[in-house]
């Protein structure tokens, strides 16, 4: 693709990418509320259910690392749609799994293809959308996370309760078919990165690790990957245990838990576009720092709050989702722009790997820190909050060290000074 997209085609492209991302994120999110149903259906314990969730993340990390060796050698649209089709088949296999072992394998395969898809979606945004509108575009794609939060938990529980646990996976497979059809018509072919990587009159790079080594030799790429890891680490120290803490310590009834995701997701669905617009208008580093600094308060409050009414807890958790997830909108624009354009696909695959491993590390570390006392209450969740706040503060300081390659030379992002 050489010619710039029209505003209308750009809008359709972003909505299509958001739809693909929605399918991937929803597939990941529905496992958490399905926990009690799956444990009863297969007769498994909490550790075995944890393996179902972890298999997705770690498979995504490994597949993203593998994809970094070849992703910049192929045309973007064909690679994305091919991976999306395999993801749909793996998700359908989850719904058809006859037992725990086969479901575990199917979840691993879904995570493997999902990890590559997530990196490709962000890569295509970086390839197609000019720097001046990239944060707003990231906000549109990031809205898929919010919509998954709003629709994922209630919808998966409704389908599972009124039909059976297999129904949500079949539903996602149907979504894959729908968005594949739309993507085939809307997404443009993208080959410019192949021309950039080969160069005029130069032979193609033959070694499959060449692009990965080129990414890792760039100090700016390494700084961007570390920045990405810090953001994910600070969020996932806290997020996986919010539900457990709400029930055990805050006194929230189990049947009220969906409201946390409903209100939080609905709020972020609205605020994501505003944050992206402000980042493009006032500077991506500046807006990132403002939102990330604001996130320090809900990180503290959510991990230290005692028994409170449901309405007050919803205010705290909704603020948490808006600010903690809102950081990612300008942050992803910064991270995507830190990559050399000819290596962006490889870089974003490595970034997906970094984020997945940071997610797993944060969840595991928090699990070692917190304990459950004789009364069933969670102990030391406050310590987890302090660690998350420290990682968040470090990311706020570190962002100024990242250079955004494709920012116009005349544009000075004063917020980074």
Protein backbone atom coordinates (compact mmCIF):
# COMPACT_ATOMS: atom_id res chain seq x y z
CA UNK A 1 0.00 0.00 0.00
CA UNK A 2 1.53 3.28 -1.15
CA UNK A 3 -1.36 5.74 -1.45
CA UNK A 4 -2.78 7.17 1.81
CA UNK A 5 -6.23 6.00 2.85
CA UNK A 6 -9.28 8.22 2.57
CA UNK A 7 -10.78 9.24 5.95
CA UNK A 8 -13.73 6.90 5.40
CA UNK A 9 -11.53 3.93 4.46
CA UNK A 10 -9.27 4.65 7.42
CA UNK A 11 -12.30 4.56 9.71
CA UNK A 12 -13.47 1.24 8.26
CA UNK A 13 -9.96 -0.19 8.58
CA UNK A 14 -9.70 0.77 12.26
CA UNK A 15 -13.15 -0.61 13.04
CA UNK A 16 -12.24 -3.88 11.31
CA UNK A 17 -9.00 -4.17 13.26
CA UNK A 18 -10.93 -3.38 16.44
CA UNK A 19 -13.38 -6.17 15.60
CA UNK A 20 -10.55 -8.66 15.10
CA UNK A 21 -9.00 -7.51 18.37
CA UNK A 22 -12.39 -7.82 20.08
CA UNK A 23 -12.64 -11.48 19.08
CA UNK A 24 -9.15 -12.18 20.43
CA UNK A 25 -9.64 -10.33 23.72
CA UNK A 26 -13.10 -11.79 24.33
CA UNK A 27 -11.66 -15.27 23.88
CA UNK A 28 -9.13 -14.55 26.61
CA UNK A 29 -11.55 -12.84 29.00
CA UNK A 30 -14.37 -15.36 29.03
CA UNK A 31 -12.25 -17.97 30.79
CA UNK A 32 -12.28 -16.08 34.11
CA UNK A 33 -16.06 -15.94 34.68
CA UNK A 34 -16.41 -19.50 33.36
CA UNK A 35 -14.14 -20.80 36.14
CA UNK A 36 -16.80 -22.28 38.47
CA UNK A 37 -18.71 -23.84 35.55
CA UNK A 38 -15.60 -25.45 34.04
CA UNK A 39 -14.38 -26.71 37.42
CA UNK A 40 -17.73 -28.40 37.97
CA UNK A 41 -17.97 -29.78 34.42
CA UNK A 42 -14.49 -31.35 34.41
CA UNK A 43 -14.08 -32.01 38.14
CA UNK A 44 -10.86 -29.96 38.28
CA UNK A 45 -9.35 -27.92 41.10
CA UNK A 46 -8.27 -24.28 41.14
CA UNK A 47 -4.69 -25.13 40.18
CA UNK A 48 -5.82 -26.98 37.07
CA UNK A 49 -8.13 -24.14 36.13
CA UNK A 50 -5.19 -21.76 36.58
CA UNK A 51 -3.31 -23.81 34.00
CA UNK A 52 -6.13 -23.21 31.52
CA UNK A 53 -5.75 -19.46 31.93
CA UNK A 54 -1.93 -19.47 32.02
CA UNK A 55 -1.63 -21.70 28.94
CA UNK A 56 -3.15 -18.95 26.81
CA UNK A 57 -0.74 -16.22 27.98
CA UNK A 58 2.42 -18.27 27.80
CA UNK A 59 1.52 -19.69 24.39
CA UNK A 60 0.89 -16.13 23.20
CA UNK A 61 4.32 -15.10 24.48
CA UNK A 62 6.14 -17.94 22.74
CA UNK A 63 4.24 -17.54 19.47
CA UNK A 64 4.94 -13.81 19.40
CA UNK A 65 8.63 -14.54 19.87
CA UNK A 66 8.53 -17.07 17.03
CA UNK A 67 6.58 -14.65 14.82
CA UNK A 68 9.32 -12.07 15.24
CA UNK A 69 11.52 -14.27 13.03
CA UNK A 70 9.24 -14.08 9.99
CA UNK A 71 6.46 -11.51 10.38
CA UNK A 72 8.20 -8.79 8.33
CA UNK A 73 8.74 -11.17 5.41
CA UNK A 74 5.04 -11.45 4.53
CA UNK A 75 2.30 -9.17 3.31
CA UNK A 76 0.36 -7.97 6.37
CA UNK A 77 -3.25 -8.57 5.31
CA UNK A 78 -2.78 -12.17 4.17
CA UNK A 79 -0.78 -13.07 7.27
CA UNK A 80 -3.35 -11.51 9.61
CA UNK A 81 -6.35 -13.20 7.99
CA UNK A 82 -4.57 -16.58 7.83
CA UNK A 83 -3.65 -16.38 11.52
CA UNK A 84 -7.18 -15.21 12.35
CA UNK A 85 -8.64 -18.27 10.60
CA UNK A 86 -6.38 -20.61 12.60
CA UNK A 87 -7.35 -18.77 15.78
CA UNK A 88 -11.02 -19.34 14.96
CA UNK A 89 -10.43 -23.06 14.45
CA UNK A 90 -8.57 -23.30 17.77
CA UNK A 91 -11.38 -21.46 19.57
CA UNK A 92 -13.96 -23.78 17.99
CA UNK A 93 -11.83 -26.70 19.21
CA UNK A 94 -12.17 -25.27 22.74
CA UNK A 95 -15.94 -25.44 22.42
CA UNK A 96 -15.81 -29.01 21.10
CA UNK A 97 -13.20 -30.32 23.59
CA UNK A 98 -14.40 -33.59 25.17
CA UNK A 99 -12.20 -33.31 28.25
CA UNK A 100 -9.83 -31.22 30.31
CA UNK A 101 -6.63 -32.29 28.51
CA UNK A 102 -7.98 -31.47 25.06
CA UNK A 103 -9.35 -28.13 26.29
CA UNK A 104 -5.92 -27.30 27.71
CA UNK A 105 -4.27 -28.02 24.36
CA UNK A 106 -6.92 -26.04 22.48
CA UNK A 107 -6.47 -23.06 24.81
CA UNK A 108 -2.74 -23.16 24.17
CA UNK A 109 -3.31 -23.14 20.40
CA UNK A 110 -5.79 -20.26 20.67
CA UNK A 111 -3.25 -18.27 22.66
CA UNK A 112 -0.51 -19.05 20.15
CA UNK A 113 -2.49 -17.65 17.22
CA UNK A 114 -3.97 -14.85 19.33
CA UNK A 115 -0.52 -13.62 20.33
CA UNK A 116 0.52 -13.23 16.69
CA UNK A 117 -2.76 -11.48 15.85
CA UNK A 118 -2.39 -8.91 18.62
CA UNK A 119 1.06 -7.93 17.39
CA UNK A 120 -0.09 -7.76 13.77
CA UNK A 121 -3.04 -5.48 14.58
CA UNK A 122 -0.79 -2.94 16.32
CA UNK A 123 1.77 -3.24 13.53
CA UNK A 124 -0.83 -2.42 10.88
CA UNK A 125 -1.95 0.64 12.84
CA UNK A 126 1.67 1.83 12.91
CA UNK A 127 2.11 1.12 9.19
CA UNK A 128 -1.05 2.82 7.96
CA UNK A 129 -1.93 5.64 10.35
CA UNK A 130 0.25 8.80 10.31
CA UNK A 131 2.00 9.75 13.54
CA UNK A 132 -0.26 12.78 14.10
CA UNK A 133 -3.36 10.53 14.40
CA UNK A 134 -1.79 7.37 15.76
CA UNK A 135 -2.81 7.74 19.41
CA UNK A 136 -6.42 8.36 18.40
CA UNK A 137 -6.26 5.28 16.16
CA UNK A 138 -4.84 3.23 19.04
CA UNK A 139 -7.78 4.46 21.11
CA UNK A 140 -10.23 3.08 18.53
CA UNK A 141 -8.51 -0.31 18.49
CA UNK A 142 -8.11 -0.28 22.28
CA UNK A 143 -11.87 0.21 22.59
CA UNK A 144 -12.07 -3.50 21.76
CA UNK A 145 -10.72 -4.20 25.24
CA UNK A 146 -13.43 -2.05 26.82
CA UNK A 147 -16.17 -3.59 24.71
CA UNK A 148 -14.90 -7.05 25.63
CA UNK A 149 -15.08 -6.06 29.29
CA UNK A 150 -18.62 -4.77 28.93
CA UNK A 151 -19.90 -7.63 26.77
CA UNK A 152 -17.48 -10.45 27.57
CA UNK A 153 -18.33 -11.23 31.18
CA UNK A 154 -22.14 -10.85 31.03
CA UNK A 155 -22.45 -12.47 27.59
CA UNK A 156 -20.27 -15.47 28.40
CA UNK A 157 -22.15 -16.09 31.65
CA UNK A 158 -25.52 -15.76 29.89
CA UNK A 159 -24.57 -18.15 27.09
CA UNK A 160 -23.01 -20.63 29.49
CA UNK A 161 -25.95 -20.53 31.91
CA UNK A 162 -28.72 -20.75 29.34
CA UNK A 163 -27.00 -23.23 27.02
CA UNK A 164 -23.70 -24.71 28.26
CA UNK A 165 -20.07 -23.73 28.72
CA UNK A 166 -19.25 -24.55 25.09
CA UNK A 167 -21.58 -21.86 23.68
CA UNK A 168 -19.27 -18.82 24.20
CA UNK A 169 -16.48 -20.45 22.20
CA UNK A 170 -18.82 -21.31 19.34
CA UNK A 171 -20.07 -17.70 19.40
CA UNK A 172 -16.50 -16.39 19.06
CA UNK A 173 -15.85 -18.78 16.15
CA UNK A 174 -18.90 -17.27 14.40
CA UNK A 175 -17.48 -13.78 15.05
CA UNK A 176 -14.21 -14.86 13.44
CA UNK A 177 -16.02 -15.88 10.24
CA UNK A 178 -17.86 -12.55 10.18
CA UNK A 179 -14.77 -10.40 10.66
CA UNK A 180 -12.74 -12.48 8.22
CA UNK A 181 -15.30 -11.64 5.53
CA UNK A 182 -15.21 -7.95 6.47
CA UNK A 183 -11.41 -7.93 6.69
CA UNK A 184 -11.03 -9.48 3.24
CA UNK A 185 -13.05 -6.60 1.79
CA UNK A 186 -11.81 -3.67 3.90
CA UNK A 187 -8.14 -4.26 4.77
CA UNK A 188 -5.64 -3.07 2.14
CA UNK A 189 -2.60 -5.07 1.09
CA UNK A 190 0.55 -3.89 2.86
CA UNK A 191 3.88 -4.66 1.22
CA UNK A 192 5.82 -1.47 1.79
CA UNK A 193 7.71 -2.94 4.75
CA UNK A 194 9.02 -5.74 2.48
CA UNK A 195 10.48 -3.18 0.09
CA UNK A 196 12.05 -1.29 2.99
CA UNK A 197 13.64 -4.43 4.40
CA UNK A 198 15.15 -5.55 1.11
CA UNK A 199 16.29 -2.16 -0.11
CA UNK A 200 16.83 -1.12 -3.70
CA UNK A 201 19.13 -3.55 -5.51
CA UNK A 202 19.89 -5.48 -2.34
CA UNK A 203 19.36 -9.16 -1.76
CA UNK A 204 16.74 -10.23 0.72
CA UNK A 205 17.90 -11.09 4.21
CA UNK A 206 18.08 -14.87 4.31
CA UNK A 207 18.65 -15.65 7.95
CA UNK A 208 15.31 -15.81 9.74
CA UNK A 209 16.76 -14.31 12.94
CA UNK A 210 18.31 -11.33 11.17
CA UNK A 211 15.32 -9.03 11.75
CA UNK A 212 15.08 -10.05 15.41
CA UNK A 213 18.77 -9.38 15.99
CA UNK A 214 18.40 -6.05 14.22
CA UNK A 215 15.59 -5.10 16.60
CA UNK A 216 17.51 -6.18 19.69
CA UNK A 217 20.66 -4.31 18.63
CA UNK A 218 18.75 -1.03 18.68
CA UNK A 219 18.99 0.51 22.16
CA UNK A 220 15.83 2.53 21.59
CA UNK A 221 13.91 -0.68 20.86
CA UNK A 222 15.14 -2.19 24.13
CA UNK A 223 14.07 0.90 26.06
CA UNK A 224 10.62 0.75 24.48
CA UNK A 225 10.29 -2.96 25.37
CA UNK A 226 11.28 -2.27 28.97
CA UNK A 227 8.76 0.57 29.13
CA UNK A 228 6.07 -1.76 27.79
CA UNK A 229 6.94 -4.42 30.37
CA UNK A 230 6.75 -1.93 33.24
CA UNK A 231 3.25 -0.81 32.24
CA UNK A 232 1.88 -4.35 31.92
CA UNK A 233 3.64 -5.48 35.10
CA UNK A 234 2.14 -2.65 37.17
CA UNK A 235 -1.39 -3.42 35.97
CA UNK A 236 -1.33 -7.20 36.27
CA UNK A 237 0.07 -7.17 39.77
CA UNK A 238 -3.40 -6.01 40.79
CA UNK A 239 -5.98 -6.92 38.11
CA UNK A 240 -6.15 -10.75 38.46
CA UNK A 241 -7.02 -10.53 42.16
CA UNK A 242 -9.57 -7.71 42.17
CA UNK A 243 -12.54 -10.11 42.14
CA UNK A 244 -11.13 -12.29 44.90
CA UNK A 245 -10.33 -9.24 47.07
CA UNK A 246 -13.77 -7.72 46.41
CA UNK A 247 -15.58 -10.84 47.64
CA UNK A 248 -13.23 -11.72 50.50
CA UNK A 249 -12.35 -8.29 51.94
CA UNK A 250 -14.67 -5.61 50.55
CA UNK A 251 -17.87 -7.59 51.11
CA UNK A 252 -19.14 -7.56 47.52
CA UNK A 253 -21.58 -10.38 46.72
CA UNK A 254 -20.52 -12.83 44.02
CA UNK A 255 -23.60 -12.06 41.91
CA UNK A 256 -22.63 -8.35 41.87
CA UNK A 257 -19.17 -9.00 40.39
CA UNK A 258 -20.30 -8.52 36.75
CA UNK A 259 -21.14 -4.90 37.59
CA UNK A 260 -17.42 -4.23 38.12
CA UNK A 261 -16.66 -5.15 34.52
CA UNK A 262 -19.87 -3.65 33.12
CA UNK A 263 -19.32 -0.19 34.61
CA UNK A 264 -15.54 -0.25 34.17
CA UNK A 265 -15.73 -1.36 30.56
CA UNK A 266 -18.50 1.09 29.67
CA UNK A 267 -16.52 3.99 31.13
CA UNK A 268 -13.30 3.08 29.32
CA UNK A 269 -15.24 2.65 26.09
CA UNK A 270 -16.08 6.36 26.33
CA UNK A 271 -12.81 7.69 27.72
CA UNK A 272 -10.49 5.78 25.36
CA UNK A 273 -11.34 8.01 22.40
CA UNK A 274 -10.88 11.18 24.45
CA UNK A 275 -7.50 10.07 25.77
CA UNK A 276 -6.34 9.22 22.25
CA UNK A 277 -7.52 12.59 20.94
CA UNK A 278 -5.79 14.49 23.75
CA UNK A 279 -2.56 12.54 23.19
CA UNK A 280 -2.51 13.48 19.50
CA UNK A 281 -3.37 17.09 20.29
CA UNK A 282 -1.16 17.80 23.30
CA UNK A 283 1.66 15.25 23.00
CA UNK A 284 1.71 11.53 23.62
CA UNK A 285 4.34 11.60 26.36
CA UNK A 286 2.63 14.45 28.21
CA UNK A 287 -0.80 12.80 28.22
CA UNK A 288 0.70 9.43 29.12
CA UNK A 289 2.35 10.97 32.17
CA UNK A 290 -0.87 12.70 33.24
CA UNK A 291 -2.99 9.54 32.96
CA UNK A 292 -0.33 7.28 34.51
CA UNK A 293 0.15 9.67 37.43
CA UNK A 294 -3.61 9.69 37.98
CA UNK A 295 -3.53 5.86 37.99
CA UNK A 296 -1.39 5.85 41.13
CA UNK A 297 -4.40 6.76 43.31
CA UNK A 298 -6.73 3.91 42.26
CA UNK A 299 -3.80 1.46 42.43
CA UNK A 300 -3.46 2.50 46.08
CA UNK A 301 -7.16 2.67 46.96
CA UNK A 302 -8.30 -0.58 45.33
CA UNK A 303 -5.59 -2.61 47.09
CA UNK A 304 -6.22 -1.09 50.54
CA UNK A 305 -9.99 -0.61 50.80
CA UNK A 306 -12.00 -2.34 53.50
CA UNK A 307 -15.70 -3.12 53.66
CA UNK A 308 -17.67 -0.53 51.69
CA UNK A 309 -21.03 -0.35 49.87
CA UNK A 310 -21.24 -1.63 46.32
CA UNK A 311 -21.71 1.86 44.82
CA UNK A 312 -18.48 3.15 46.39
CA UNK A 313 -16.50 0.09 45.27
CA UNK A 314 -17.82 0.56 41.73
CA UNK A 315 -16.62 4.17 41.71
CA UNK A 316 -13.14 3.03 42.77
CA UNK A 317 -12.91 0.13 40.32
CA UNK A 318 -14.34 2.15 37.42
CA UNK A 319 -11.73 4.86 38.05
CA UNK A 320 -9.13 2.10 38.19
CA UNK A 321 -10.12 0.68 34.80
CA UNK A 322 -10.32 4.12 33.16
CA UNK A 323 -6.86 5.27 34.28
CA UNK A 324 -4.91 2.00 34.42
CA UNK A 325 -6.11 0.89 30.99
CA UNK A 326 -6.11 4.47 29.70
CA UNK A 327 -2.32 4.62 30.08
CA UNK A 328 -2.01 2.07 27.31
CA UNK A 329 -3.48 4.35 24.63
CA UNK A 330 -0.71 6.96 24.45
CA UNK A 331 1.80 4.32 25.57
CA UNK A 332 1.08 2.05 22.60
CA UNK A 333 1.39 5.02 20.23
CA UNK A 334 4.80 5.77 21.77
CA UNK A 335 5.91 2.13 21.66
CA UNK A 336 4.76 1.62 18.06
CA UNK A 337 6.52 4.81 16.97
CA UNK A 338 9.74 3.73 18.69
CA UNK A 339 10.21 0.98 16.10
CA UNK A 340 12.13 1.46 12.89
CA UNK A 341 9.41 1.25 10.20
CA UNK A 342 11.13 -1.58 8.29
CA UNK A 343 11.30 -3.66 11.49
CA UNK A 344 7.96 -2.71 13.01
CA UNK A 345 6.36 -6.14 12.58
CA UNK A 346 9.27 -7.91 14.25
CA UNK A 347 9.43 -5.30 16.99
CA UNK A 348 5.70 -5.54 17.75
CA UNK A 349 5.95 -9.34 17.89
CA UNK A 350 8.75 -9.02 20.44
CA UNK A 351 6.67 -6.44 22.27
CA UNK A 352 3.75 -8.88 22.45
CA UNK A 353 6.13 -11.49 23.87
CA UNK A 354 7.45 -8.99 26.41
CA UNK A 355 3.95 -8.01 27.51
CA UNK A 356 2.78 -11.61 27.85
CA UNK A 357 5.78 -12.59 29.96
CA UNK A 358 5.40 -9.43 32.08
CA UNK A 359 1.74 -10.36 32.60
CA UNK A 360 2.67 -13.87 33.74
CA UNK A 361 5.50 -12.64 35.96
CA UNK A 362 3.29 -10.04 37.65
CA UNK A 363 0.48 -12.51 38.29
CA UNK A 364 2.88 -15.10 39.67
CA UNK A 365 4.74 -12.63 41.91
CA UNK A 366 1.49 -11.22 43.30
CA UNK A 367 0.36 -14.78 44.00
CA UNK A 368 3.48 -15.35 46.11
CA UNK A 369 2.95 -12.11 48.04
CA UNK A 370 -0.74 -12.42 48.95
CA UNK A 371 -2.12 -15.09 51.25
CA UNK A 372 -5.51 -16.05 52.65
CA UNK A 373 -6.03 -16.11 56.42
CA UNK A 374 -8.23 -18.39 58.49
CA UNK A 375 -11.24 -16.13 57.93
CA UNK A 376 -10.83 -16.31 54.16
CA UNK A 377 -9.64 -12.71 53.82
CA UNK A 378 -6.79 -11.71 51.48
CA UNK A 379 -3.63 -10.58 53.27
CA UNK A 380 -0.84 -8.36 51.85
CA UNK A 381 -2.81 -7.16 48.83
CA UNK A 382 -1.67 -3.70 49.92
CA UNK A 383 1.94 -4.76 49.40
CA UNK A 384 1.02 -5.81 45.88
CA UNK A 385 -0.41 -2.32 45.36
CA UNK A 386 2.84 -0.68 46.47
CA UNK A 387 4.88 -2.81 44.04
CA UNK A 388 2.47 -1.91 41.24
CA UNK A 389 2.73 1.78 42.08
CA UNK A 390 6.53 1.60 42.07
CA UNK A 391 6.57 -0.01 38.61
CA UNK A 392 4.10 2.59 37.35
CA UNK A 393 6.19 5.45 38.72
CA UNK A 394 9.32 4.01 37.12
CA UNK A 395 7.53 3.88 33.74
CA UNK A 396 6.47 7.53 34.11
CA UNK A 397 10.12 8.53 34.57
CA UNK A 398 11.46 6.17 31.91
CA UNK A 399 9.18 7.23 29.02
CA UNK A 400 11.29 10.33 28.29
CA UNK A 401 14.18 8.07 27.24
CA UNK A 402 12.27 6.69 24.22
CA UNK A 403 12.77 8.20 20.76
CA UNK A 404 9.79 8.15 18.39
CA UNK A 405 11.30 7.59 14.93
CA UNK A 406 8.48 8.64 12.63
CA UNK A 407 7.52 11.79 14.48
CA UNK A 408 8.04 14.75 12.13
CA UNK A 409 11.40 16.39 12.73
CA UNK A 410 9.78 19.81 13.15
CA UNK A 411 7.47 18.50 15.88
CA UNK A 412 8.87 18.87 19.37
CA UNK A 413 7.08 16.85 22.00
CA UNK A 414 7.85 19.25 24.84
CA UNK A 415 6.26 16.88 27.30
CA UNK A 416 9.21 14.50 26.95
CA UNK A 417 11.67 17.10 28.18
